[in-house]
Amino acid sequence: QLQLVESGGGLVQPGESLRLSCAASGFTLDYYSVGWFRQAPGKEREGVSCISRRFGSTNYADSVKGRFTISISRDNAKTTVYLQMNSLKPEDTAIYYCAARANIWCSGRVGDFGSWGQGTQVTVSS
C-alpha cells in the first residue's frame, strides 16, 4: 500500500530555513515521480517541486527557484523525499503536501498525482 507521511513543518522567521521530509513506502520510486505541493489559505494548491529518480531530474516553481532543493534518500529500504527550504518568505506560508505520481515524468499539476500525504504546516512570520 502506497503511503506518504510528511514532517518537518513549523514556525520560522523570514530568511530562515526548514527541511521537510516525506517518508515514502509501498511503491518503487524507479517507476514514480514525487512532488511537493503547497496550499495557502484561500488559494488553490500549487506545485512547488518535483523529482524523478529514474532520470535524476528535478523541477521547481519559479517562485522557489534558487531557494528550495528537492532530493531523495534511500536507507535500509526506507525512502525519504526532502524539500530543503532556504531564505523563507512570508508568502511561503502554506500547508505543504508530498504526492506521488505513477509516471517517471515529473509534473507540476495537482491532477496528475494520485497519492497524497496528510500535509505539514509551514508558517513564515516575524
C-alpha atoms as a PDB file:
ATOM      1  CA  GLN A   1       0.000   0.000   0.000  1.00  0.00           C
ATOM      2  CA  LEU A   2       1.438   3.327  -1.090  1.00  0.00           C
ATOM      3  CA  GLN A   3       1.909   5.681   1.834  1.00  0.00           C
ATOM      4  CA  LEU A   4       3.361   9.178   2.170  1.00  0.00           C
ATOM      5  CA  VAL A   5       3.957  10.845   5.521  1.00  0.00           C
ATOM      6  CA  GLU A   6       5.234  14.420   5.752  1.00  0.00           C
ATOM      7  CA  SER A   7       7.048  16.010   8.659  1.00  0.00           C
ATOM      8  CA  GLY A   8       9.301  18.958   9.434  1.00  0.00           C
ATOM      9  CA  GLY A   9       6.936  21.889   9.225  1.00  0.00           C
ATOM     10  CA  GLY A  10       6.888  24.674  11.779  1.00  0.00           C
ATOM     11  CA  LEU A  11       7.018  28.370  12.522  1.00  0.00           C
ATOM     12  CA  VAL A  12      10.111  30.283  11.362  1.00  0.00           C
ATOM     13  CA  GLN A  13      11.092  33.877  10.771  1.00  0.00           C
ATOM     14  CA  PRO A  14      11.691  35.350   7.311  1.00  0.00           C
ATOM     15  CA  GLY A  15      15.108  34.392   5.975  1.00  0.00           C
ATOM     16  CA  GLU A  16      15.335  31.193   7.986  1.00  0.00           C
ATOM     17  CA  SER A  17      15.335  27.599   6.715  1.00  0.00           C
ATOM     18  CA  LEU A  18      13.304  24.423   7.135  1.00  0.00           C
ATOM     19  CA  ARG A  19      13.674  20.917   5.788  1.00  0.00           C
ATOM     20  CA  LEU A  20      10.539  18.962   5.063  1.00  0.00           C
ATOM     21  CA  SER A  21      10.614  15.174   4.907  1.00  0.00           C
ATOM     22  CA  CYS A  22       8.303  12.774   3.127  1.00  0.00           C
ATOM     23  CA  ALA A  23       8.615   9.149   4.207  1.00  0.00           C
ATOM     24  CA  ALA A  24       7.549   7.049   1.233  1.00  0.00           C
ATOM     25  CA  SER A  25       6.595   3.377   1.320  1.00  0.00           C
ATOM     26  CA  GLY A  26       4.651   0.826  -0.665  1.00  0.00           C
ATOM     27  CA  PHE A  27       5.952   1.650  -4.127  1.00  0.00           C
ATOM     28  CA  THR A  28       9.130   1.598  -6.175  1.00  0.00           C
ATOM     29  CA  LEU A  29      10.484   5.052  -6.857  1.00  0.00           C
ATOM     30  CA  ASP A  30      12.053   3.926 -10.109  1.00  0.00           C
ATOM     31  CA  TYR A  31       8.571   3.963 -11.648  1.00  0.00           C
ATOM     32  CA  TYR A  32       7.214   7.052  -9.939  1.00  0.00           C
ATOM     33  CA  SER A  33       7.856  10.743  -9.667  1.00  0.00           C
ATOM     34  CA  VAL A  34       7.332  12.580  -6.381  1.00  0.00           C
ATOM     35  CA  GLY A  35       6.249  16.162  -5.966  1.00  0.00           C
ATOM     36  CA  TRP A  36       5.873  18.750  -3.258  1.00  0.00           C
ATOM     37  CA  PHE A  37       2.806  20.977  -3.398  1.00  0.00           C
ATOM     38  CA  ARG A  38       1.501  23.719  -1.144  1.00  0.00           C
ATOM     39  CA  GLN A  39      -1.805  25.346  -0.394  1.00  0.00           C
ATOM     40  CA  ALA A  40      -2.128  28.722   1.276  1.00  0.00           C
ATOM     41  CA  PRO A  41      -5.396  29.840   2.907  1.00  0.00           C
ATOM     42  CA  GLY A  42      -7.924  30.851   0.276  1.00  0.00           C
ATOM     43  CA  LYS A  43      -5.706  29.755  -2.590  1.00  0.00           C
ATOM     44  CA  GLU A  44      -5.517  26.750  -4.867  1.00  0.00           C
ATOM     45  CA  ARG A  45      -2.982  24.018  -4.306  1.00  0.00           C
ATOM     46  CA  GLU A  46       0.111  24.633  -6.415  1.00  0.00           C
ATOM     47  CA  GLY A  47       3.153  22.668  -7.454  1.00  0.00           C
ATOM     48  CA  VAL A  48       6.417  23.580  -5.735  1.00  0.00           C
ATOM     49  CA  SER A  49       8.909  20.963  -6.900  1.00  0.00           C
ATOM     50  CA  CYS A  50       9.125  17.510  -8.414  1.00  0.00           C
ATOM     51  CA  ILE A  51      11.775  14.816  -8.693  1.00  0.00           C
ATOM     52  CA  SER A  52      12.092  11.834 -10.974  1.00  0.00           C
ATOM     53  CA  ARG A  53      14.573   9.377  -9.542  1.00  0.00           C
ATOM     54  CA  ARG A  54      14.610   7.376 -12.749  1.00  0.00           C
ATOM     55  CA  PHE A  55      16.106  10.291 -14.662  1.00  0.00           C
ATOM     56  CA  GLY A  56      17.648  12.157 -11.767  1.00  0.00           C
ATOM     57  CA  SER A  57      15.724  15.206 -12.900  1.00  0.00           C
ATOM     58  CA  THR A  58      14.115  17.917 -10.813  1.00  0.00           C
ATOM     59  CA  ASN A  59      11.956  20.925 -11.481  1.00  0.00           C
ATOM     60  CA  TYR A  60      10.827  23.919  -9.445  1.00  0.00           C
ATOM     61  CA  ALA A  61       8.181  26.601  -9.485  1.00  0.00           C
ATOM     62  CA  ASP A  62       9.619  29.983 -10.448  1.00  0.00           C
ATOM     63  CA  SER A  63       8.705  31.359  -7.027  1.00  0.00           C
ATOM     64  CA  VAL A  64      11.070  28.945  -5.243  1.00  0.00           C
ATOM     65  CA  LYS A  65      13.920  28.516  -7.722  1.00  0.00           C
ATOM     66  CA  GLY A  66      17.266  29.117  -6.097  1.00  0.00           C
ATOM     67  CA  ARG A  67      15.802  28.805  -2.593  1.00  0.00           C
ATOM     68  CA  PHE A  68      14.303  25.289  -2.438  1.00  0.00           C
ATOM     69  CA  THR A  69      16.014  21.983  -3.186  1.00  0.00           C
ATOM     70  CA  ILE A  70      14.338  18.599  -3.592  1.00  0.00           C
ATOM     71  CA  SER A  71      16.243  15.356  -3.032  1.00  0.00           C
ATOM     72  CA  ILE A  72      15.770  11.644  -2.405  1.00  0.00           C
ATOM     73  CA  SER A  73      17.476   9.465   0.164  1.00  0.00           C
ATOM     74  CA  ARG A  74      17.296   5.696   0.480  1.00  0.00           C
ATOM     75  CA  ASP A  75      18.487   3.956   3.645  1.00  0.00           C
ATOM     76  CA  ASN A  76      17.792   0.328   4.513  1.00  0.00           C
ATOM     77  CA  ALA A  77      14.832   0.117   2.156  1.00  0.00           C
ATOM     78  CA  LYS A  78      13.375   3.300   3.597  1.00  0.00           C
ATOM     79  CA  THR A  79      12.920   6.096   1.064  1.00  0.00           C
ATOM     80  CA  THR A  80      12.609   9.727   2.046  1.00  0.00           C
ATOM     81  CA  VAL A  81      12.000  12.719  -0.191  1.00  0.00           C
ATOM     82  CA  TYR A  82      13.248  16.008   1.225  1.00  0.00           C
ATOM     83  CA  LEU A  83      12.453  19.612   0.475  1.00  0.00           C
ATOM     84  CA  GLN A  84      15.149  21.941   1.769  1.00  0.00           C
ATOM     85  CA  MET A  85      13.704  25.437   2.016  1.00  0.00           C
ATOM     86  CA  ASN A  86      16.081  28.358   2.468  1.00  0.00           C
ATOM     87  CA  SER A  87      15.536  32.122   2.611  1.00  0.00           C
ATOM     88  CA  LEU A  88      11.920  31.601   3.524  1.00  0.00           C
ATOM     89  CA  LYS A  89       9.443  34.395   2.903  1.00  0.00           C
ATOM     90  CA  PRO A  90       6.023  35.101   4.425  1.00  0.00           C
ATOM     91  CA  GLU A  91       4.455  34.174   1.081  1.00  0.00           C
ATOM     92  CA  ASP A  92       5.829  30.646   1.521  1.00  0.00           C
ATOM     93  CA  THR A  93       3.345  30.142   4.360  1.00  0.00           C
ATOM     94  CA  ALA A  94       1.108  27.193   3.458  1.00  0.00           C
ATOM     95  CA  ILE A  95       0.338  23.564   4.113  1.00  0.00           C
ATOM     96  CA  TYR A  96       2.912  21.521   2.228  1.00  0.00           C
ATOM     97  CA  TYR A  97       1.954  18.173   0.739  1.00  0.00           C
ATOM     98  CA  CYS A  98       4.004  15.330  -0.664  1.00  0.00           C
ATOM     99  CA  ALA A  99       2.470  13.447  -3.599  1.00  0.00           C
ATOM    100  CA  ALA A 100       3.379  10.522  -5.822  1.00  0.00           C
ATOM    101  CA  ARG A 101       2.653  10.016  -9.491  1.00  0.00           C
ATOM    102  CA  ALA A 102       2.746   6.617 -11.221  1.00  0.00           C
ATOM    103  CA  ASN A 103       4.772   8.070 -14.060  1.00  0.00           C
ATOM    104  CA  ILE A 104       8.504   8.582 -14.412  1.00  0.00           C
ATOM    105  CA  TRP A 105       7.980  12.065 -15.835  1.00  0.00           C
ATOM    106  CA  CYS A 106       7.615  14.972 -13.442  1.00  0.00           C
ATOM    107  CA  SER A 107       4.594  17.247 -13.436  1.00  0.00           C
ATOM    108  CA  GLY A 108       3.519  20.355 -11.565  1.00  0.00           C
ATOM    109  CA  ARG A 109      -0.199  19.695 -11.938  1.00  0.00           C
ATOM    110  CA  VAL A 110      -2.234  18.573  -8.948  1.00  0.00           C
ATOM    111  CA  GLY A 111      -4.463  16.340 -11.058  1.00  0.00           C
ATOM    112  CA  ASP A 112      -1.515  14.307 -12.296  1.00  0.00           C
ATOM    113  CA  PHE A 113      -0.787  12.930  -8.811  1.00  0.00           C
ATOM    114  CA  GLY A 114      -2.914  10.156  -7.361  1.00  0.00           C
ATOM    115  CA  SER A 115      -1.428   9.638  -3.903  1.00  0.00           C
ATOM    116  CA  TRP A 116      -1.074  12.306  -1.238  1.00  0.00           C
ATOM    117  CA  GLY A 117       0.217  12.717   2.274  1.00  0.00           C
ATOM    118  CA  GLN A 118      -1.657  14.465   5.043  1.00  0.00           C
ATOM    119  CA  GLY A 119       0.338  17.706   4.820  1.00  0.00           C
ATOM    120  CA  THR A 120       2.549  19.701   7.174  1.00  0.00           C
ATOM    121  CA  GLN A 121       2.092  23.352   8.100  1.00  0.00           C
ATOM    122  CA  VAL A 122       4.822  25.876   7.321  1.00  0.00           C
ATOM    123  CA  THR A 123       4.407  29.371   8.738  1.00  0.00           C
ATOM    124  CA  VAL A 124       6.881  32.169   7.986  1.00  0.00           C
ATOM    125  CA  SER A 125       6.280  35.187  10.175  1.00  0.00           C
ATOM    126  CA  SER A 126       8.181  37.723  12.217  1.00  0.00           C
END
